[in-house]
N, C-alpha and C. Protein backbone atom coordinates (compact mmCIF):
# COMPACT_ATOMS: atom_id res chain seq x y z
N UNK A 1 179.55 175.12 -128.93
CA UNK A 1 179.21 174.09 -129.90
C UNK A 1 180.29 173.01 -129.88
N UNK A 2 179.87 171.78 -129.89
CA UNK A 2 180.82 170.67 -129.86
C UNK A 2 181.48 170.48 -131.21
N UNK A 3 182.75 170.21 -131.19
CA UNK A 3 183.47 169.98 -132.43
C UNK A 3 183.05 168.65 -133.04
N UNK A 4 183.32 168.48 -134.33
CA UNK A 4 182.99 167.23 -135.02
C UNK A 4 183.74 166.06 -134.41
N UNK A 5 185.01 166.27 -134.04
CA UNK A 5 185.83 165.22 -133.43
C UNK A 5 185.25 164.80 -132.08
N UNK A 6 184.83 165.79 -131.25
CA UNK A 6 184.24 165.48 -129.95
C UNK A 6 182.91 164.77 -130.13
N UNK A 7 182.11 165.22 -131.09
CA UNK A 7 180.83 164.56 -131.37
C UNK A 7 181.04 163.10 -131.74
N UNK A 8 182.03 162.83 -132.58
CA UNK A 8 182.34 161.46 -132.99
C UNK A 8 182.74 160.62 -131.78
N UNK A 9 183.54 161.20 -130.90
CA UNK A 9 183.95 160.49 -129.67
C UNK A 9 182.78 160.19 -128.78
N UNK A 10 181.88 161.16 -128.63
CA UNK A 10 180.70 160.96 -127.78
C UNK A 10 179.82 159.86 -128.35
N UNK A 11 179.63 159.84 -129.64
CA UNK A 11 178.82 158.79 -130.27
C UNK A 11 179.46 157.42 -130.04
N UNK A 12 180.78 157.34 -130.16
CA UNK A 12 181.47 156.06 -129.94
C UNK A 12 181.29 155.58 -128.50
N UNK A 13 181.45 156.49 -127.54
CA UNK A 13 181.30 156.11 -126.14
C UNK A 13 179.85 155.74 -125.85
N UNK A 14 178.91 156.50 -126.38
CA UNK A 14 177.49 156.17 -126.19
C UNK A 14 177.19 154.77 -126.72
N UNK A 15 177.75 154.44 -127.87
CA UNK A 15 177.52 153.11 -128.46
C UNK A 15 178.04 152.01 -127.54
N UNK A 16 179.24 152.22 -126.98
CA UNK A 16 179.80 151.22 -126.05
C UNK A 16 178.94 151.11 -124.80
N UNK A 17 178.51 152.24 -124.28
CA UNK A 17 177.69 152.23 -123.06
C UNK A 17 176.35 151.56 -123.32
N UNK A 18 175.73 151.92 -124.43
CA UNK A 18 174.43 151.33 -124.74
C UNK A 18 174.53 149.83 -124.96
N UNK A 19 175.63 149.38 -125.53
CA UNK A 19 175.83 147.94 -125.72
C UNK A 19 175.93 147.24 -124.37
N UNK A 20 176.49 147.89 -123.38
CA UNK A 20 176.63 147.30 -122.05
C UNK A 20 175.48 147.63 -121.12
N UNK A 21 174.54 148.46 -121.58
CA UNK A 21 173.45 148.91 -120.72
C UNK A 21 172.58 147.76 -120.24
N UNK A 22 172.54 146.66 -120.97
CA UNK A 22 171.74 145.52 -120.54
C UNK A 22 172.32 144.88 -119.29
N UNK A 23 173.59 145.14 -119.01
CA UNK A 23 174.26 144.52 -117.88
C UNK A 23 174.28 145.41 -116.64
N UNK A 24 174.05 146.69 -116.81
CA UNK A 24 174.10 147.62 -115.68
C UNK A 24 173.14 148.77 -115.93
N UNK A 25 172.60 149.32 -114.86
CA UNK A 25 171.72 150.46 -114.98
C UNK A 25 172.44 151.77 -114.75
N UNK A 26 173.62 151.68 -114.15
CA UNK A 26 174.38 152.89 -113.90
C UNK A 26 175.87 152.59 -113.80
N UNK A 27 176.65 153.59 -114.11
CA UNK A 27 178.09 153.51 -113.92
C UNK A 27 178.48 154.62 -112.97
N UNK A 28 179.36 154.32 -112.04
CA UNK A 28 179.93 155.34 -111.18
C UNK A 28 181.15 155.91 -111.88
N UNK A 29 181.24 157.23 -111.90
CA UNK A 29 182.31 157.93 -112.60
C UNK A 29 183.09 158.78 -111.61
N UNK A 30 184.38 158.52 -111.50
CA UNK A 30 185.23 159.24 -110.57
C UNK A 30 185.90 160.44 -111.24
N UNK A 31 185.61 161.62 -110.71
CA UNK A 31 186.23 162.87 -111.14
C UNK A 31 186.83 163.51 -109.91
N UNK A 32 187.49 164.63 -110.04
CA UNK A 32 188.01 165.32 -108.85
C UNK A 32 187.89 166.82 -109.07
N UNK A 33 188.05 167.55 -108.00
CA UNK A 33 187.91 168.99 -108.07
C UNK A 33 186.45 169.37 -108.14
N UNK A 34 186.17 170.43 -108.86
CA UNK A 34 184.81 170.90 -109.06
C UNK A 34 184.47 170.82 -110.55
N UNK A 35 183.19 170.89 -110.90
CA UNK A 35 182.85 170.96 -112.33
C UNK A 35 183.58 172.15 -112.96
N UNK A 36 184.23 171.90 -114.12
CA UNK A 36 185.01 172.91 -114.79
C UNK A 36 185.21 172.49 -116.25
N UNK A 37 185.96 173.25 -117.01
CA UNK A 37 186.17 172.95 -118.43
C UNK A 37 186.72 171.54 -118.62
N UNK A 38 187.59 171.08 -117.72
CA UNK A 38 188.19 169.75 -117.81
C UNK A 38 187.17 168.62 -117.67
N UNK A 39 186.04 168.91 -117.02
CA UNK A 39 185.02 167.87 -116.81
C UNK A 39 183.77 168.08 -117.66
N UNK A 40 183.75 169.16 -118.42
CA UNK A 40 182.56 169.50 -119.19
C UNK A 40 182.12 168.39 -120.14
N UNK A 41 183.07 167.72 -120.80
CA UNK A 41 182.70 166.66 -121.74
C UNK A 41 182.08 165.46 -121.03
N UNK A 42 182.53 165.16 -119.80
CA UNK A 42 181.97 164.04 -119.06
C UNK A 42 180.55 164.38 -118.59
N UNK A 43 180.35 165.63 -118.19
CA UNK A 43 179.01 166.08 -117.80
C UNK A 43 178.05 166.00 -118.98
N UNK A 44 178.51 166.40 -120.16
CA UNK A 44 177.68 166.33 -121.37
C UNK A 44 177.40 164.88 -121.73
N UNK A 45 178.39 164.02 -121.60
CA UNK A 45 178.20 162.60 -121.88
C UNK A 45 177.14 162.01 -120.95
N UNK A 46 177.20 162.35 -119.67
CA UNK A 46 176.21 161.86 -118.70
C UNK A 46 174.80 162.31 -119.10
N UNK A 47 174.70 163.55 -119.53
CA UNK A 47 173.41 164.09 -119.96
C UNK A 47 172.88 163.34 -121.18
N UNK A 48 173.74 163.12 -122.16
CA UNK A 48 173.33 162.43 -123.39
C UNK A 48 172.98 160.96 -123.14
N UNK A 49 173.73 160.29 -122.29
CA UNK A 49 173.44 158.89 -121.97
C UNK A 49 172.06 158.78 -121.34
N UNK A 50 171.78 159.62 -120.36
CA UNK A 50 170.46 159.59 -119.71
C UNK A 50 169.35 159.89 -120.71
N UNK A 51 169.59 160.86 -121.58
CA UNK A 51 168.60 161.25 -122.59
C UNK A 51 168.36 160.12 -123.59
N UNK A 52 169.43 159.55 -124.13
CA UNK A 52 169.30 158.54 -125.18
C UNK A 52 168.75 157.20 -124.66
N UNK A 53 168.86 156.96 -123.37
CA UNK A 53 168.35 155.70 -122.80
C UNK A 53 167.05 155.92 -122.02
N UNK A 54 166.49 157.11 -122.16
CA UNK A 54 165.27 157.48 -121.42
C UNK A 54 165.44 157.26 -119.92
N UNK A 55 166.63 157.55 -119.41
CA UNK A 55 166.90 157.44 -117.99
C UNK A 55 167.13 156.02 -117.49
N UNK A 56 167.14 155.04 -118.39
CA UNK A 56 167.35 153.65 -117.98
C UNK A 56 168.80 153.35 -117.66
N UNK A 57 169.71 154.19 -118.14
CA UNK A 57 171.13 154.04 -117.85
C UNK A 57 171.67 155.41 -117.51
N UNK A 58 172.42 155.51 -116.41
CA UNK A 58 172.94 156.80 -115.99
C UNK A 58 174.42 156.70 -115.63
N UNK A 59 175.07 157.83 -115.71
CA UNK A 59 176.45 157.98 -115.24
C UNK A 59 176.37 158.82 -113.96
N UNK A 60 176.76 158.25 -112.84
CA UNK A 60 176.75 158.96 -111.57
C UNK A 60 178.10 159.63 -111.38
N UNK A 61 178.14 160.94 -111.57
CA UNK A 61 179.39 161.68 -111.49
C UNK A 61 179.72 161.99 -110.03
N UNK A 62 180.93 161.66 -109.63
CA UNK A 62 181.38 161.91 -108.27
C UNK A 62 182.68 162.70 -108.31
N UNK A 63 182.67 163.87 -107.71
CA UNK A 63 183.85 164.73 -107.66
C UNK A 63 184.60 164.48 -106.37
N UNK A 64 185.54 163.54 -106.40
CA UNK A 64 186.39 163.25 -105.25
C UNK A 64 185.79 162.28 -104.24
N UNK A 65 184.60 161.82 -104.46
CA UNK A 65 183.95 160.92 -103.51
C UNK A 65 184.31 159.46 -103.67
N UNK A 66 184.82 159.07 -104.82
CA UNK A 66 185.13 157.67 -105.08
C UNK A 66 186.62 157.36 -104.97
N UNK A 67 187.45 158.34 -105.24
CA UNK A 67 188.89 158.10 -105.28
C UNK A 67 189.65 159.42 -105.21
N UNK A 68 190.88 159.36 -104.80
CA UNK A 68 191.75 160.53 -104.88
C UNK A 68 192.15 160.72 -106.33
N UNK A 69 192.49 161.95 -106.71
CA UNK A 69 192.76 162.24 -108.13
C UNK A 69 193.87 161.41 -108.74
N UNK A 70 194.86 161.01 -107.98
CA UNK A 70 195.97 160.21 -108.52
C UNK A 70 195.69 158.71 -108.47
N UNK A 71 194.51 158.31 -108.01
CA UNK A 71 194.21 156.88 -107.85
C UNK A 71 193.07 156.40 -108.74
N UNK A 72 192.66 157.21 -109.70
CA UNK A 72 191.54 156.82 -110.56
C UNK A 72 191.83 155.59 -111.42
N UNK A 73 193.03 155.49 -111.97
CA UNK A 73 193.34 154.31 -112.78
C UNK A 73 193.36 153.05 -111.92
N UNK A 74 193.90 153.16 -110.71
CA UNK A 74 193.90 152.01 -109.79
C UNK A 74 192.47 151.62 -109.44
N UNK A 75 191.61 152.60 -109.24
CA UNK A 75 190.21 152.33 -108.90
C UNK A 75 189.50 151.57 -110.01
N UNK A 76 189.77 151.94 -111.24
CA UNK A 76 189.18 151.20 -112.37
C UNK A 76 189.73 149.78 -112.41
N UNK A 77 191.03 149.65 -112.20
CA UNK A 77 191.69 148.34 -112.27
C UNK A 77 191.12 147.36 -111.26
N UNK A 78 190.73 147.85 -110.08
CA UNK A 78 190.19 146.94 -109.05
C UNK A 78 188.67 146.88 -109.07
N UNK A 79 188.04 147.60 -110.01
CA UNK A 79 186.59 147.55 -110.12
C UNK A 79 185.85 148.39 -109.11
N UNK A 80 186.50 149.39 -108.53
CA UNK A 80 185.84 150.26 -107.55
C UNK A 80 184.78 151.15 -108.20
N UNK A 81 184.95 151.46 -109.48
CA UNK A 81 184.00 152.23 -110.26
C UNK A 81 184.23 151.90 -111.72
N UNK A 82 183.30 152.28 -112.57
CA UNK A 82 183.34 151.86 -113.97
C UNK A 82 184.05 152.83 -114.91
N UNK A 83 184.15 154.10 -114.51
CA UNK A 83 184.70 155.10 -115.42
C UNK A 83 185.37 156.18 -114.58
N UNK A 84 186.42 156.78 -115.13
CA UNK A 84 187.11 157.85 -114.41
C UNK A 84 187.82 158.77 -115.38
N UNK A 85 188.06 159.96 -114.91
CA UNK A 85 188.89 160.90 -115.65
C UNK A 85 190.21 160.97 -114.91
N UNK A 86 191.29 161.00 -115.64
CA UNK A 86 192.59 161.06 -114.98
C UNK A 86 193.50 162.02 -115.76
N UNK A 87 194.54 162.43 -115.09
CA UNK A 87 195.54 163.30 -115.70
C UNK A 87 196.75 162.46 -116.04
N UNK A 88 197.11 162.40 -117.31
CA UNK A 88 198.22 161.58 -117.77
C UNK A 88 199.53 161.96 -117.07
N UNK A 89 199.66 163.20 -116.66
CA UNK A 89 200.87 163.64 -115.98
C UNK A 89 201.12 162.94 -114.67
N UNK A 90 200.07 162.40 -114.05
CA UNK A 90 200.20 161.67 -112.80
C UNK A 90 200.72 160.25 -113.04
N UNK A 91 200.72 159.81 -114.29
CA UNK A 91 201.05 158.43 -114.62
C UNK A 91 202.13 158.41 -115.71
N UNK A 92 203.31 158.79 -115.34
CA UNK A 92 204.40 158.93 -116.31
C UNK A 92 204.75 157.61 -117.00
N UNK A 93 204.47 156.49 -116.37
CA UNK A 93 204.81 155.20 -116.94
C UNK A 93 203.81 154.73 -118.00
N UNK A 94 202.80 155.49 -118.28
CA UNK A 94 201.78 155.08 -119.25
C UNK A 94 202.16 155.46 -120.65
């Protein structure tokens, strides 16, 4: 069961995505490794986005296909993909 805090976060992200849905039909999402507990919330978000938009907007999850795990922030900065998960430990200057 999703916590109230996680539910609130998902609703906030869905609102932002839906507001931008008129500009794009899909976002590429850079993840790494395999599906696991660390990626579960992104997988759920992708499911909810597709459901709430009747499939008109999707999150295309890519595990290592878009970027190396330490390069996700750089990939977003240059517009290589729209969304990514990153590990703060890789970016000590943040």
